[in-house]
Amino acid sequence: MCCGVCKTWLGNADELTEIYCRNIERCAEYGIKCITYNFMPVFDWTRTQLNKEAPDGSTSLVMYMDQLKNLDPLKDDIRLPGWDSSYTKNEVRNLIMAYSELGEEGLWKSLKKFLKKVIPTAEKCGVQMAIHPDDPPYPIFGLPRIITDEKNIDRLLGIVESPANSLCLCTGSLGSGKFNDVTGLVRKYSKMGRIAFMHIRQVKLLSDGSFEECGHISKNGSLDMYQIVKALTDNGFDGYVRPDHGRMIWGETGKPGYGLYDWALGAAYINGLFEACEKAEKE
């Protein structure tokens, strides 16, 4: 994660970034080699429903455009999944106004300052900083979002040309934008050695830009999981992988999107894909 002060670069951002660097050093002391963070303003991943029921009885997270259009965080006291519920309505309003004034280029300037300060520490410690894409990968509520597509990822990686400045490539986040060729992105950045962490999950894209999270198997959604994993194995990827998000199945309760049963199914499926792709390479 990265604090809001560093994203706006207001107040004591320099002091907080120094603390961040010390925490990178502490993580390295305990053998942590990859730190994932994001640069999404105000809200983390955003969905309009937590428990959309599928025909098989499972529930999952969804983003429906018609529902999103009816939400106004400047007027309404609303709480969407992925939001920090500790914010008051006035705090949300003030943050949105601050980021709207900062704009996209202002957010890029903050990210550049952040990376210029933390990447040298990460390099020294042997840690990869892996930025998570914006989810969804386009602006919401007039807020700038910048880690969204190939052009912007290239810009990010060019700020500091170092393996320590890398990606947490989330297939579900980037795949939520129909303009992204997820398999192509995985192939490109794994070949460059700039993917430190893979979040592998499935989404089903709808015609109006809405999307639904669903089971990992390719036939369930819009992403070709076999080709995604093949792109990794073709380029010798040896970073971290996890099944990301998941349905709530078999009566499981808990935090929506983080069902352990479906995560276990996803992990087994992904392991099977890696084995199949690795064996195919040898034939």
C-alpha atoms as a PDB file:
ATOM      1  CA  MET A   1       0.000   0.000   0.000  1.00  0.00           C
ATOM      2  CA  CYS A   2       1.059   3.618  -0.342  1.00  0.00           C
ATOM      3  CA  CYS A   3      -0.358   6.358   1.879  1.00  0.00           C
ATOM      4  CA  GLY A   4      -2.534   9.180   0.580  1.00  0.00           C
ATOM      5  CA  VAL A   5       0.026  11.785   1.614  1.00  0.00           C
ATOM      6  CA  CYS A   6       2.603  10.236  -0.724  1.00  0.00           C
ATOM      7  CA  LYS A   7       0.052  10.041  -3.541  1.00  0.00           C
ATOM      8  CA  THR A   8      -0.720  13.747  -3.293  1.00  0.00           C
ATOM      9  CA  TRP A   9       2.783  14.671  -2.095  1.00  0.00           C
ATOM     10  CA  LEU A  10       1.392  17.166   0.368  1.00  0.00           C
ATOM     11  CA  GLY A  11       2.315  17.731   3.992  1.00  0.00           C
ATOM     12  CA  ASN A  12       5.013  15.439   5.375  1.00  0.00           C
ATOM     13  CA  ALA A  13       5.372  13.205   2.324  1.00  0.00           C
ATOM     14  CA  ASP A  14       9.185  13.257   2.451  1.00  0.00           C
ATOM     15  CA  GLU A  15       9.201  12.167   6.091  1.00  0.00           C
ATOM     16  CA  LEU A  16       6.672   9.389   5.469  1.00  0.00           C
ATOM     17  CA  THR A  17       8.616   8.134   2.474  1.00  0.00           C
ATOM     18  CA  GLU A  18      11.733   7.859   4.633  1.00  0.00           C
ATOM     19  CA  ILE A  19       9.716   5.743   7.065  1.00  0.00           C
ATOM     20  CA  TYR A  20       8.544   3.655   4.107  1.00  0.00           C
ATOM     21  CA  CYS A  21      12.178   3.052   3.141  1.00  0.00           C
ATOM     22  CA  ARG A  22      13.010   1.916   6.656  1.00  0.00           C
ATOM     23  CA  ASN A  23      10.101  -0.513   6.485  1.00  0.00           C
ATOM     24  CA  ILE A  24      11.452  -1.913   3.206  1.00  0.00           C
ATOM     25  CA  GLU A  25      14.709  -2.588   5.058  1.00  0.00           C
ATOM     26  CA  ARG A  26      12.829  -4.292   7.897  1.00  0.00           C
ATOM     27  CA  CYS A  27      10.935  -6.487   5.443  1.00  0.00           C
ATOM     28  CA  ALA A  28      14.207  -7.483   3.773  1.00  0.00           C
ATOM     29  CA  GLU A  29      15.680  -8.467   7.131  1.00  0.00           C
ATOM     30  CA  TYR A  30      12.909 -11.061   7.454  1.00  0.00           C
ATOM     31  CA  GLY A  31      13.414 -12.445   3.953  1.00  0.00           C
ATOM     32  CA  ILE A  32      10.582 -10.630   2.182  1.00  0.00           C
ATOM     33  CA  LYS A  33      11.603 -10.119  -1.441  1.00  0.00           C
ATOM     34  CA  CYS A  34       8.491  -8.540  -2.940  1.00  0.00           C
ATOM     35  CA  ILE A  35       6.308  -5.665  -1.712  1.00  0.00           C
ATOM     36  CA  THR A  36       3.038  -4.940  -3.494  1.00  0.00           C
ATOM     37  CA  TYR A  37       1.487  -1.473  -3.361  1.00  0.00           C
ATOM     38  CA  ASN A  38      -0.938   0.602  -5.415  1.00  0.00           C
ATOM     39  CA  PHE A  39      -1.351   4.226  -6.421  1.00  0.00           C
ATOM     40  CA  MET A  40      -5.154   4.368  -6.599  1.00  0.00           C
ATOM     41  CA  PRO A  41      -6.549   7.641  -5.238  1.00  0.00           C
ATOM     42  CA  VAL A  42      -9.018   7.445  -2.324  1.00  0.00           C
ATOM     43  CA  PHE A  43     -10.515   4.058  -3.221  1.00  0.00           C
ATOM     44  CA  ASP A  44      -8.923   0.672  -3.755  1.00  0.00           C
ATOM     45  CA  TRP A  45     -10.684  -1.872  -5.983  1.00  0.00           C
ATOM     46  CA  THR A  46     -14.259  -0.763  -6.554  1.00  0.00           C
ATOM     47  CA  ARG A  47     -17.371  -2.863  -7.168  1.00  0.00           C
ATOM     48  CA  THR A  48     -21.081  -2.044  -7.089  1.00  0.00           C
ATOM     49  CA  GLN A  49     -22.252  -5.359  -5.607  1.00  0.00           C
ATOM     50  CA  LEU A  50     -20.657  -7.745  -3.163  1.00  0.00           C
ATOM     51  CA  ASN A  51     -22.780 -10.847  -3.594  1.00  0.00           C
ATOM     52  CA  LYS A  52     -24.154 -11.223  -7.106  1.00  0.00           C
ATOM     53  CA  GLU A  53     -25.647 -14.718  -7.288  1.00  0.00           C
ATOM     54  CA  ALA A  54     -24.817 -16.960 -10.246  1.00  0.00           C
ATOM     55  CA  PRO A  55     -27.015 -19.805 -11.556  1.00  0.00           C
ATOM     56  CA  ASP A  56     -24.845 -22.333  -9.690  1.00  0.00           C
ATOM     57  CA  GLY A  57     -25.603 -20.625  -6.358  1.00  0.00           C
ATOM     58  CA  SER A  58     -22.160 -19.060  -5.909  1.00  0.00           C
ATOM     59  CA  THR A  59     -21.816 -15.327  -5.338  1.00  0.00           C
ATOM     60  CA  SER A  60     -19.142 -12.947  -6.557  1.00  0.00           C
ATOM     61  CA  LEU A  61     -18.114  -9.305  -6.855  1.00  0.00           C
ATOM     62  CA  VAL A  62     -19.438  -7.325  -9.815  1.00  0.00           C
ATOM     63  CA  MET A  63     -19.208  -3.851 -11.344  1.00  0.00           C
ATOM     64  CA  TYR A  64     -22.302  -2.758 -13.210  1.00  0.00           C
ATOM     65  CA  MET A  65     -22.090   0.550 -15.036  1.00  0.00           C
ATOM     66  CA  ASP A  66     -25.751   1.429 -14.564  1.00  0.00           C
ATOM     67  CA  GLN A  67     -25.319   1.091 -10.803  1.00  0.00           C
ATOM     68  CA  LEU A  68     -22.067   3.072 -10.806  1.00  0.00           C
ATOM     69  CA  LYS A  69     -23.728   5.981 -12.603  1.00  0.00           C
ATOM     70  CA  ASN A  70     -26.236   6.326  -9.769  1.00  0.00           C
ATOM     71  CA  LEU A  71     -23.528   6.716  -7.108  1.00  0.00           C
ATOM     72  CA  ASP A  72     -22.194  10.136  -6.151  1.00  0.00           C
ATOM     73  CA  PRO A  73     -19.657  10.117  -3.292  1.00  0.00           C
ATOM     74  CA  LEU A  74     -19.743  13.932  -3.178  1.00  0.00           C
ATOM     75  CA  LYS A  75     -23.413  13.857  -2.209  1.00  0.00           C
ATOM     76  CA  ASP A  76     -24.136  10.430  -0.786  1.00  0.00           C
ATOM     77  CA  ASP A  77     -22.779   8.682   2.281  1.00  0.00           C
ATOM     78  CA  ILE A  78     -22.005   5.452   0.457  1.00  0.00           C
ATOM     79  CA  ARG A  79     -19.727   2.518   1.152  1.00  0.00           C
ATOM     80  CA  LEU A  80     -18.593   0.381  -1.732  1.00  0.00           C
ATOM     81  CA  PRO A  81     -16.428  -2.732  -1.462  1.00  0.00           C
ATOM     82  CA  GLY A  82     -12.743  -1.909  -1.562  1.00  0.00           C
ATOM     83  CA  TRP A  83     -13.256   1.470   0.108  1.00  0.00           C
ATOM     84  CA  ASP A  84     -11.758   2.483   3.401  1.00  0.00           C
ATOM     85  CA  SER A  85     -14.814   2.687   5.644  1.00  0.00           C
ATOM     86  CA  SER A  86     -12.864   4.757   8.173  1.00  0.00           C
ATOM     87  CA  TYR A  87     -13.378   7.842   5.968  1.00  0.00           C
ATOM     88  CA  THR A  88     -16.226  10.154   6.922  1.00  0.00           C
ATOM     89  CA  LYS A  89     -18.423  11.618   4.193  1.00  0.00           C
ATOM     90  CA  ASN A  90     -16.654  14.972   4.520  1.00  0.00           C
ATOM     91  CA  GLU A  91     -13.234  13.319   4.318  1.00  0.00           C
ATOM     92  CA  VAL A  92     -14.237  11.458   1.156  1.00  0.00           C
ATOM     93  CA  ARG A  93     -15.514  14.703  -0.358  1.00  0.00           C
ATOM     94  CA  ASN A  94     -12.310  16.572   0.500  1.00  0.00           C
ATOM     95  CA  LEU A  95     -10.098  13.801  -0.853  1.00  0.00           C
ATOM     96  CA  ILE A  96     -11.990  13.630  -4.128  1.00  0.00           C
ATOM     97  CA  MET A  97     -11.722  17.383  -4.553  1.00  0.00           C
ATOM     98  CA  ALA A  98      -7.977  17.287  -3.768  1.00  0.00           C
ATOM     99  CA  TYR A  99      -7.264  14.523  -6.288  1.00  0.00           C
ATOM    100  CA  SER A 100      -9.465  16.149  -8.926  1.00  0.00           C
ATOM    101  CA  GLU A 101      -7.373  19.285  -8.545  1.00  0.00           C
ATOM    102  CA  LEU A 102      -4.148  17.272  -8.625  1.00  0.00           C
ATOM    103  CA  GLY A 103      -5.152  15.616 -11.901  1.00  0.00           C
ATOM    104  CA  GLU A 104      -3.525  12.804 -13.813  1.00  0.00           C
ATOM    105  CA  GLU A 105      -0.193  14.542 -14.390  1.00  0.00           C
ATOM    106  CA  GLY A 106      -0.044  15.590 -10.755  1.00  0.00           C
ATOM    107  CA  LEU A 107      -0.494  11.974  -9.707  1.00  0.00           C
ATOM    108  CA  TRP A 108       2.297  10.950 -12.092  1.00  0.00           C
ATOM    109  CA  LYS A 109       4.586  13.546 -10.481  1.00  0.00           C
ATOM    110  CA  SER A 110       3.832  12.109  -7.046  1.00  0.00           C
ATOM    111  CA  LEU A 111       4.522   8.577  -8.239  1.00  0.00           C
ATOM    112  CA  LYS A 112       7.820   9.679  -9.765  1.00  0.00           C
ATOM    113  CA  LYS A 113       8.919  11.293  -6.491  1.00  0.00           C
ATOM    114  CA  PHE A 114       7.899   8.178  -4.582  1.00  0.00           C
ATOM    115  CA  LEU A 115       9.793   5.809  -6.877  1.00  0.00           C
ATOM    116  CA  LYS A 116      12.920   7.954  -7.009  1.00  0.00           C
ATOM    117  CA  LYS A 117      13.063   7.749  -3.219  1.00  0.00           C
ATOM    118  CA  VAL A 118      12.135   4.128  -2.540  1.00  0.00           C
ATOM    119  CA  ILE A 119      13.610   2.169  -5.457  1.00  0.00           C
ATOM    120  CA  PRO A 120      17.270   2.784  -4.467  1.00  0.00           C
ATOM    121  CA  THR A 121      16.472   1.358  -1.017  1.00  0.00           C
ATOM    122  CA  ALA A 122      14.662  -1.609  -2.555  1.00  0.00           C
ATOM    123  CA  GLU A 123      17.620  -2.284  -4.899  1.00  0.00           C
ATOM    124  CA  LYS A 124      20.035  -2.190  -1.986  1.00  0.00           C
ATOM    125  CA  CYS A 125      17.888  -4.657  -0.037  1.00  0.00           C
ATOM    126  CA  GLY A 126      17.172  -7.028  -2.918  1.00  0.00           C
ATOM    127  CA  VAL A 127      13.444  -6.243  -2.799  1.00  0.00           C
ATOM    128  CA  GLN A 128      11.137  -5.800  -5.778  1.00  0.00           C
ATOM    129  CA  MET A 129       8.474  -3.104  -5.495  1.00  0.00           C
ATOM    130  CA  ALA A 130       5.456  -4.458  -7.402  1.00  0.00           C
ATOM    131  CA  ILE A 131       2.773  -1.920  -8.238  1.00  0.00           C
ATOM    132  CA  HIS A 132      -0.784  -3.241  -8.552  1.00  0.00           C
ATOM    133  CA  PRO A 133      -2.851  -1.915 -11.476  1.00  0.00           C
ATOM    134  CA  ASP A 134      -5.856   0.276 -10.900  1.00  0.00           C
ATOM    135  CA  ASP A 135      -9.051  -1.711 -10.469  1.00  0.00           C
ATOM    136  CA  PRO A 136     -10.997  -1.023 -12.597  1.00  0.00           C
ATOM    137  CA  PRO A 137      -8.390   0.402 -14.990  1.00  0.00           C
ATOM    138  CA  TYR A 138     -10.162   3.664 -15.790  1.00  0.00           C
ATOM    139  CA  PRO A 139     -11.217   6.813 -13.908  1.00  0.00           C
ATOM    140  CA  ILE A 140     -14.166   6.648 -11.533  1.00  0.00           C
ATOM    141  CA  PHE A 141     -16.001   9.629 -10.010  1.00  0.00           C
ATOM    142  CA  GLY A 142     -13.672  11.977 -11.874  1.00  0.00           C
ATOM    143  CA  LEU A 143     -10.604  10.671 -10.025  1.00  0.00           C
ATOM    144  CA  PRO A 144      -7.392  10.145 -11.988  1.00  0.00           C
ATOM    145  CA  ARG A 145      -6.159   6.580 -12.384  1.00  0.00           C
ATOM    146  CA  ILE A 146      -2.834   5.990 -14.084  1.00  0.00           C
ATOM    147  CA  ILE A 147      -1.787   2.322 -13.894  1.00  0.00           C
ATOM    148  CA  THR A 148      -4.324   1.236 -16.455  1.00  0.00           C
ATOM    149  CA  ASP A 149      -2.870   0.066 -19.784  1.00  0.00           C
ATOM    150  CA  GLU A 150       0.291  -0.709 -21.752  1.00  0.00           C
ATOM    151  CA  LYS A 151       1.174   2.910 -22.485  1.00  0.00           C
ATOM    152  CA  ASN A 152       0.976   3.897 -18.835  1.00  0.00           C
ATOM    153  CA  ILE A 153       2.757   0.775 -17.607  1.00  0.00           C
ATOM    154  CA  ASP A 154       5.614   1.562 -20.000  1.00  0.00           C
ATOM    155  CA  ARG A 155       5.736   5.075 -18.572  1.00  0.00           C
ATOM    156  CA  LEU A 156       5.818   3.704 -15.023  1.00  0.00           C
ATOM    157  CA  LEU A 157       8.639   1.252 -15.710  1.00  0.00           C
ATOM    158  CA  GLY A 158      10.622   3.965 -17.468  1.00  0.00           C
ATOM    159  CA  ILE A 159      10.655   6.226 -14.413  1.00  0.00           C
ATOM    160  CA  VAL A 160      13.324   4.019 -12.857  1.00  0.00           C
ATOM    161  CA  GLU A 161      14.877   1.387 -15.122  1.00  0.00           C
ATOM    162  CA  SER A 162      15.407  -1.287 -12.505  1.00  0.00           C
ATOM    163  CA  PRO A 163      14.033  -4.778 -11.745  1.00  0.00           C
ATOM    164  CA  ALA A 164      13.207  -3.334  -8.337  1.00  0.00           C
ATOM    165  CA  ASN A 165      10.604  -1.165 -10.101  1.00  0.00           C
ATOM    166  CA  SER A 166       8.261  -3.937 -11.201  1.00  0.00           C
ATOM    167  CA  LEU A 167       4.658  -5.030 -11.548  1.00  0.00           C
ATOM    168  CA  CYS A 168       2.123  -6.961  -9.605  1.00  0.00           C
ATOM    169  CA  LEU A 169       0.272  -7.874 -12.783  1.00  0.00           C
ATOM    170  CA  CYS A 170      -3.341  -8.548 -11.874  1.00  0.00           C
ATOM    171  CA  THR A 171      -5.165 -10.223 -14.749  1.00  0.00           C
ATOM    172  CA  GLY A 172      -8.564  -9.345 -13.302  1.00  0.00           C
ATOM    173  CA  SER A 173      -7.782  -5.667 -12.834  1.00  0.00           C
ATOM    174  CA  LEU A 174      -6.266  -5.091 -16.283  1.00  0.00           C
ATOM    175  CA  GLY A 175      -8.745  -7.549 -17.804  1.00  0.00           C
ATOM    176  CA  SER A 176     -11.649  -5.417 -16.589  1.00  0.00           C
ATOM    177  CA  GLY A 177     -10.832  -2.999 -19.412  1.00  0.00           C
ATOM    178  CA  LYS A 178     -11.709  -4.479 -22.802  1.00  0.00           C
ATOM    179  CA  PHE A 179      -8.957  -2.302 -24.327  1.00  0.00           C
ATOM    180  CA  ASN A 180      -6.278  -4.436 -22.613  1.00  0.00           C
ATOM    181  CA  ASP A 181      -4.762  -7.537 -24.214  1.00  0.00           C
ATOM    182  CA  VAL A 182      -3.931  -9.259 -20.950  1.00  0.00           C
ATOM    183  CA  THR A 183      -2.048 -12.180 -22.492  1.00  0.00           C
ATOM    184  CA  GLY A 184       0.025  -9.754 -24.556  1.00  0.00           C
ATOM    185  CA  LEU A 185       0.837  -7.680 -21.481  1.00  0.00           C
ATOM    186  CA  VAL A 186       1.891 -10.767 -19.526  1.00  0.00           C
ATOM    187  CA  ARG A 187       4.099 -11.911 -22.394  1.00  0.00           C
ATOM    188  CA  LYS A 188       5.706  -8.491 -22.862  1.00  0.00           C
ATOM    189  CA  TYR A 189       6.503  -7.734 -19.242  1.00  0.00           C
ATOM    190  CA  SER A 190       7.537 -11.254 -18.253  1.00  0.00           C
ATOM    191  CA  LYS A 191       9.982 -11.216 -21.184  1.00  0.00           C
ATOM    192  CA  MET A 192      11.342  -7.918 -19.827  1.00  0.00           C
ATOM    193  CA  GLY A 193      11.692  -9.453 -16.357  1.00  0.00           C
ATOM    194  CA  ARG A 194       9.486  -6.774 -14.838  1.00  0.00           C
ATOM    195  CA  ILE A 195       6.734  -8.904 -13.289  1.00  0.00           C
ATOM    196  CA  ALA A 196       7.472  -9.685  -9.654  1.00  0.00           C
ATOM    197  CA  PHE A 197       4.034 -10.960  -8.659  1.00  0.00           C
ATOM    198  CA  MET A 198       1.088 -12.392 -10.606  1.00  0.00           C
ATOM    199  CA  HIS A 199      -2.486 -12.054  -9.359  1.00  0.00           C
ATOM    200  CA  ILE A 200      -4.386 -14.518 -11.541  1.00  0.00           C
ATOM    201  CA  ARG A 201      -8.167 -14.279 -11.629  1.00  0.00           C
ATOM    202  CA  GLN A 202     -10.997 -14.384 -14.111  1.00  0.00           C
ATOM    203  CA  VAL A 203     -13.535 -11.746 -15.163  1.00  0.00           C
ATOM    204  CA  LYS A 204     -16.471 -11.857 -17.541  1.00  0.00           C
ATOM    205  CA  LEU A 205     -16.769  -8.668 -19.597  1.00  0.00           C
ATOM    206  CA  LEU A 206     -20.225  -7.395 -20.528  1.00  0.00           C
ATOM    207  CA  SER A 207     -21.083  -5.317 -23.587  1.00  0.00           C
ATOM    208  CA  ASP A 208     -21.462  -1.993 -21.744  1.00  0.00           C
ATOM    209  CA  GLY A 209     -18.093  -2.212 -19.975  1.00  0.00           C
ATOM    210  CA  SER A 210     -19.518  -3.824 -16.848  1.00  0.00           C
ATOM    211  CA  PHE A 211     -17.865  -6.964 -15.545  1.00  0.00           C
ATOM    212  CA  GLU A 212     -18.408  -9.867 -13.188  1.00  0.00           C
ATOM    213  CA  GLU A 213     -15.795 -11.834 -11.292  1.00  0.00           C
ATOM    214  CA  CYS A 214     -16.153 -15.572 -11.788  1.00  0.00           C
ATOM    215  CA  GLY A 215     -14.430 -18.927 -11.364  1.00  0.00           C
ATOM    216  CA  HIS A 216     -10.851 -19.151 -12.645  1.00  0.00           C
ATOM    217  CA  ILE A 217     -11.473 -21.658 -15.464  1.00  0.00           C
ATOM    218  CA  SER A 218     -11.213 -20.001 -18.883  1.00  0.00           C
ATOM    219  CA  LYS A 219     -14.686 -21.030 -20.096  1.00  0.00           C
ATOM    220  CA  ASN A 220     -16.260 -19.079 -17.229  1.00  0.00           C
ATOM    221  CA  GLY A 221     -15.005 -15.683 -18.333  1.00  0.00           C
ATOM    222  CA  SER A 222     -13.270 -13.499 -20.902  1.00  0.00           C
ATOM    223  CA  LEU A 223      -9.618 -14.301 -20.161  1.00  0.00           C
ATOM    224  CA  ASP A 224      -7.664 -17.246 -21.585  1.00  0.00           C
ATOM    225  CA  MET A 225      -5.943 -18.566 -18.494  1.00  0.00           C
ATOM    226  CA  TYR A 226      -3.954 -21.190 -20.385  1.00  0.00           C
ATOM    227  CA  GLN A 227      -2.424 -18.576 -22.687  1.00  0.00           C
ATOM    228  CA  ILE A 228      -1.688 -16.280 -19.734  1.00  0.00           C
ATOM    229  CA  VAL A 229       0.218 -19.011 -17.907  1.00  0.00           C
ATOM    230  CA  LYS A 230       1.914 -20.094 -21.150  1.00  0.00           C
ATOM    231  CA  ALA A 231       3.153 -16.524 -21.637  1.00  0.00           C
ATOM    232  CA  LEU A 232       4.782 -16.779 -18.207  1.00  0.00           C
ATOM    233  CA  THR A 233       6.393 -20.170 -18.733  1.00  0.00           C
ATOM    234  CA  ASP A 234       7.578 -19.247 -22.248  1.00  0.00           C
ATOM    235  CA  ASN A 235       9.586 -16.432 -20.694  1.00  0.00           C
ATOM    236  CA  GLY A 236      10.956 -18.267 -17.672  1.00  0.00           C
ATOM    237  CA  PHE A 237       8.877 -16.433 -15.072  1.00  0.00           C
ATOM    238  CA  ASP A 238       9.902 -17.461 -11.558  1.00  0.00           C
ATOM    239  CA  GLY A 239       8.150 -14.859  -9.441  1.00  0.00           C
ATOM    240  CA  TYR A 240       5.250 -15.125  -7.035  1.00  0.00           C
ATOM    241  CA  VAL A 241       1.731 -16.221  -8.058  1.00  0.00           C
ATOM    242  CA  ARG A 242      -1.592 -16.324  -6.279  1.00  0.00           C
ATOM    243  CA  PRO A 243      -5.213 -16.952  -7.245  1.00  0.00           C
ATOM    244  CA  ASP A 244      -6.806 -13.562  -6.718  1.00  0.00           C
ATOM    245  CA  HIS A 245     -10.340 -12.936  -5.505  1.00  0.00           C
ATOM    246  CA  GLY A 246     -12.854 -15.708  -5.763  1.00  0.00           C
ATOM    247  CA  ARG A 247     -16.467 -16.686  -5.464  1.00  0.00           C
ATOM    248  CA  MET A 248     -18.207 -17.561  -2.243  1.00  0.00           C
ATOM    249  CA  ILE A 249     -19.165 -21.234  -2.628  1.00  0.00           C
ATOM    250  CA  TRP A 250     -20.504 -24.153  -0.581  1.00  0.00           C
ATOM    251  CA  GLY A 251     -22.127 -21.877   1.990  1.00  0.00           C
ATOM    252  CA  GLU A 252     -18.895 -20.165   3.005  1.00  0.00           C
ATOM    253  CA  THR A 253     -19.277 -16.828   4.781  1.00  0.00           C
ATOM    254  CA  GLY A 254     -16.681 -14.119   5.321  1.00  0.00           C
ATOM    255  CA  LYS A 255     -15.260 -11.230   3.349  1.00  0.00           C
ATOM    256  CA  PRO A 256     -16.852 -11.274  -0.114  1.00  0.00           C
ATOM    257  CA  GLY A 257     -14.348 -11.954  -2.880  1.00  0.00           C
ATOM    258  CA  TYR A 258     -11.981 -13.780  -0.554  1.00  0.00           C
ATOM    259  CA  GLY A 259     -13.600 -17.194  -0.255  1.00  0.00           C
ATOM    260  CA  LEU A 260     -10.977 -19.733   0.771  1.00  0.00           C
ATOM    261  CA  TYR A 261     -12.719 -22.660  -0.928  1.00  0.00           C
ATOM    262  CA  ASP A 262     -12.662 -20.999  -4.335  1.00  0.00           C
ATOM    263  CA  TRP A 263      -9.111 -19.775  -3.767  1.00  0.00           C
ATOM    264  CA  ALA A 264      -8.105 -23.393  -3.178  1.00  0.00           C
ATOM    265  CA  LEU A 265      -9.811 -24.467  -6.407  1.00  0.00           C
ATOM    266  CA  GLY A 266      -8.098 -21.599  -8.219  1.00  0.00           C
ATOM    267  CA  ALA A 267      -4.681 -22.552  -6.845  1.00  0.00           C
ATOM    268  CA  ALA A 268      -5.135 -26.164  -7.963  1.00  0.00           C
ATOM    269  CA  TYR A 269      -6.273 -25.061 -11.430  1.00  0.00           C
ATOM    270  CA  ILE A 270      -3.357 -22.631 -11.847  1.00  0.00           C
ATOM    271  CA  ASN A 271      -0.844 -25.249 -10.700  1.00  0.00           C
ATOM    272  CA  GLY A 272      -2.292 -27.606 -13.288  1.00  0.00           C
ATOM    273  CA  LEU A 273      -1.878 -24.987 -16.005  1.00  0.00           C
ATOM    274  CA  PHE A 274       1.756 -24.420 -15.048  1.00  0.00           C
ATOM    275  CA  GLU A 275       2.441 -28.169 -15.186  1.00  0.00           C
ATOM    276  CA  ALA A 276       0.744 -28.501 -18.581  1.00  0.00           C
ATOM    277  CA  CYS A 277       2.597 -25.504 -20.047  1.00  0.00           C
ATOM    278  CA  GLU A 278       5.955 -26.601 -18.680  1.00  0.00           C
ATOM    279  CA  LYS A 279       5.510 -30.135 -20.067  1.00  0.00           C
ATOM    280  CA  ALA A 280       4.424 -28.783 -23.449  1.00  0.00           C
ATOM    281  CA  GLU A 281       7.651 -26.763 -23.626  1.00  0.00           C
ATOM    282  CA  LYS A 282       9.709 -29.931 -23.295  1.00  0.00           C
ATOM    283  CA  GLU A 283       7.888 -31.897 -25.975  1.00  0.00           C
END
